[in-house]
């Protein structure tokens, strides 16, 4: 059975050439907009996966992106474990168009089994309130000693 130990969505990542350690930048928690649609860009989906010996070393998972439980997009993610029982996988998107506010959910599935999900809120900023009336400032004298 496949398992995830980490699944998140961010805007950047870096992999150390010597150690293969992963650094993730700008983890997406919420997105705010003054109008819709908006584009969230870039998007990096990060998954740390494990398998058992009897599982395939080259499975294809499904990545689903939903807004308020409505499917926006779905695509396959082929993963290569090689001879290892653990691996890291990444999916990059130049941008995602979000048509309205709500709960944006990323799901990783294998067949009908959901392995992981990541949810963030897309929030509509309230319209700006009316500007305050003009404020008049009268300069005063001041002295500064050095």
Protein backbone atom coordinates (compact mmCIF):
# COMPACT_ATOMS: atom_id res chain seq x y z
CA UNK A 1 0.00 0.00 0.00
CA UNK A 2 1.28 3.45 -0.93
CA UNK A 3 1.51 6.11 1.79
CA UNK A 4 2.42 9.77 2.02
CA UNK A 5 4.50 11.31 4.78
CA UNK A 6 4.31 14.84 3.33
CA UNK A 7 1.99 16.49 0.84
CA UNK A 8 1.86 20.26 0.37
CA UNK A 9 1.54 23.05 -2.15
CA UNK A 10 4.07 25.87 -2.45
CA UNK A 11 5.48 28.33 -4.93
CA UNK A 12 9.03 27.05 -5.10
CA UNK A 13 11.44 24.30 -4.18
CA UNK A 14 15.14 23.56 -4.28
CA UNK A 15 16.96 20.22 -4.11
CA UNK A 16 20.48 20.10 -2.72
CA UNK A 17 22.76 18.47 -5.30
CA UNK A 18 24.88 16.63 -2.71
CA UNK A 19 22.36 15.49 -0.11
CA UNK A 20 19.13 15.49 -2.16
CA UNK A 21 17.51 17.42 0.74
CA UNK A 22 14.44 19.40 -0.32
CA UNK A 23 13.78 23.01 0.63
CA UNK A 24 10.30 24.40 -0.01
CA UNK A 25 9.54 28.12 -0.39
CA UNK A 26 6.32 30.07 0.09
CA UNK A 27 3.98 27.33 1.26
CA UNK A 28 0.50 28.35 0.10
CA UNK A 29 -1.84 28.79 3.04
CA UNK A 30 -4.43 31.22 1.66
CA UNK A 31 -4.84 33.40 -1.41
CA UNK A 32 -6.65 36.73 -1.44
CA UNK A 33 -8.17 38.61 -4.34
CA UNK A 34 -10.10 41.81 -4.95
CA UNK A 35 -11.89 40.19 -7.89
CA UNK A 36 -12.20 36.97 -9.84
CA UNK A 37 -10.94 35.06 -11.72
CA UNK A 38 -7.39 35.07 -10.34
CA UNK A 39 -4.26 33.17 -11.27
CA UNK A 40 -2.16 31.56 -8.55
CA UNK A 41 1.33 31.16 -9.96
CA UNK A 42 3.57 29.30 -9.83
CA UNK A 43 2.41 26.14 -8.06
CA UNK A 44 4.68 23.32 -6.91
CA UNK A 45 3.04 20.19 -5.46
CA UNK A 46 5.39 18.27 -3.17
CA UNK A 47 4.85 14.67 -2.10
CA UNK A 48 7.00 12.30 -0.05
CA UNK A 49 5.77 8.79 -0.81
CA UNK A 50 6.48 5.28 0.39
CA UNK A 51 5.54 1.81 -0.82
CA UNK A 52 5.76 -1.78 0.33
CA UNK A 53 7.89 -4.40 -1.44
CA UNK A 54 4.90 -5.91 -3.23
CA UNK A 55 3.75 -2.53 -4.64
CA UNK A 56 4.72 -1.48 -8.14
CA UNK A 57 7.88 0.62 -8.36
CA UNK A 58 6.35 2.73 -11.17
CA UNK A 59 2.76 3.58 -10.17
CA UNK A 60 0.59 6.29 -11.69
CA UNK A 61 -1.32 8.41 -9.20
CA UNK A 62 -4.08 10.92 -9.92
CA UNK A 63 -3.78 14.52 -8.85
CA UNK A 64 -7.13 16.28 -8.51
CA UNK A 65 -7.68 19.98 -7.90
CA UNK A 66 -11.10 21.03 -6.64
CA UNK A 67 -12.72 24.31 -5.71
CA UNK A 68 -15.65 23.95 -3.30
CA UNK A 69 -15.81 20.22 -4.15
CA UNK A 70 -16.09 20.95 -7.88
CA UNK A 71 -13.32 19.40 -9.98
CA UNK A 72 -11.20 22.05 -11.72
CA UNK A 73 -8.63 19.68 -13.18
CA UNK A 74 -7.23 16.19 -12.90
CA UNK A 75 -4.07 14.68 -14.31
CA UNK A 76 -1.91 11.59 -13.87
CA UNK A 77 1.34 11.69 -11.89
CA UNK A 78 3.75 8.92 -12.80
CA UNK A 79 6.20 8.17 -10.00
CA UNK A 80 9.45 6.20 -10.24
CA UNK A 81 10.53 4.49 -7.02
CA UNK A 82 13.24 2.46 -8.76
CA UNK A 83 14.54 -0.07 -6.22
CA UNK A 84 13.72 2.24 -3.26
CA UNK A 85 10.75 2.05 -0.89
CA UNK A 86 10.56 5.84 -0.51
CA UNK A 87 10.70 8.67 -3.01
CA UNK A 88 9.96 12.35 -3.50
CA UNK A 89 7.70 13.58 -6.26
CA UNK A 90 6.98 17.05 -7.59
CA UNK A 91 4.41 18.50 -9.97
CA UNK A 92 4.85 22.02 -11.33
CA UNK A 93 2.21 24.29 -12.80
CA UNK A 94 2.89 27.66 -14.40
CA UNK A 95 -0.39 28.87 -12.92
CA UNK A 96 -3.87 27.87 -11.85
CA UNK A 97 -6.94 29.91 -12.76
CA UNK A 98 -9.34 30.11 -9.82
CA UNK A 99 -12.78 31.34 -10.91
CA UNK A 100 -14.19 32.30 -7.48
CA UNK A 101 -13.62 32.26 -3.72
CA UNK A 102 -13.76 29.09 -1.66
CA UNK A 103 -11.87 26.02 -0.47
CA UNK A 104 -9.16 24.99 -2.96
CA UNK A 105 -8.24 21.34 -2.41
CA UNK A 106 -5.42 19.30 -3.92
CA UNK A 107 -5.91 15.51 -3.68
CA UNK A 108 -3.47 12.69 -4.41
CA UNK A 109 -5.23 9.41 -5.20
CA UNK A 110 -4.27 5.91 -6.19
CA UNK A 111 -7.27 4.27 -7.79
CA UNK A 112 -10.22 5.10 -5.52
CA UNK A 113 -8.02 5.56 -2.46
CA UNK A 114 -7.16 9.08 -1.37
CA UNK A 115 -3.59 9.14 -0.09
CA UNK A 116 -3.34 12.82 0.83
CA UNK A 117 -5.03 16.18 0.52
CA UNK A 118 -4.03 19.79 0.99
CA UNK A 119 -6.56 22.59 1.40
CA UNK A 120 -6.19 26.34 1.22
CA UNK A 121 -8.74 29.14 1.23
CA UNK A 122 -9.22 31.59 -1.60
CA UNK A 123 -10.68 34.73 -0.09
CA UNK A 124 -12.41 37.75 -1.62
CA UNK A 125 -11.21 40.98 -0.03
CA UNK A 126 -14.11 43.27 0.83
CA UNK A 127 -14.41 46.30 -1.44
CA UNK A 128 -12.45 49.28 -0.19
CA UNK A 129 -14.50 51.54 2.06
CA UNK A 130 -15.03 55.11 1.03
CA UNK A 131 -11.95 57.20 1.39
CA UNK A 132 -11.89 59.33 4.52
CA UNK A 133 -12.60 63.02 4.03
CA UNK A 134 -9.60 65.18 3.26
CA UNK A 135 -7.66 65.92 6.38
CA UNK A 136 -5.99 69.28 6.68
CA UNK A 137 -2.66 69.43 8.46
CA UNK A 138 -1.32 72.71 9.78
CA UNK A 139 2.44 72.78 10.05
CA UNK A 140 3.89 73.77 13.39
CA UNK A 141 7.28 75.15 14.22
CA UNK A 142 9.76 72.82 15.74
CA UNK A 143 13.41 73.01 16.46
CA UNK A 144 15.93 70.26 16.58
CA UNK A 145 19.19 70.60 18.45
CA UNK A 146 22.24 68.64 17.37
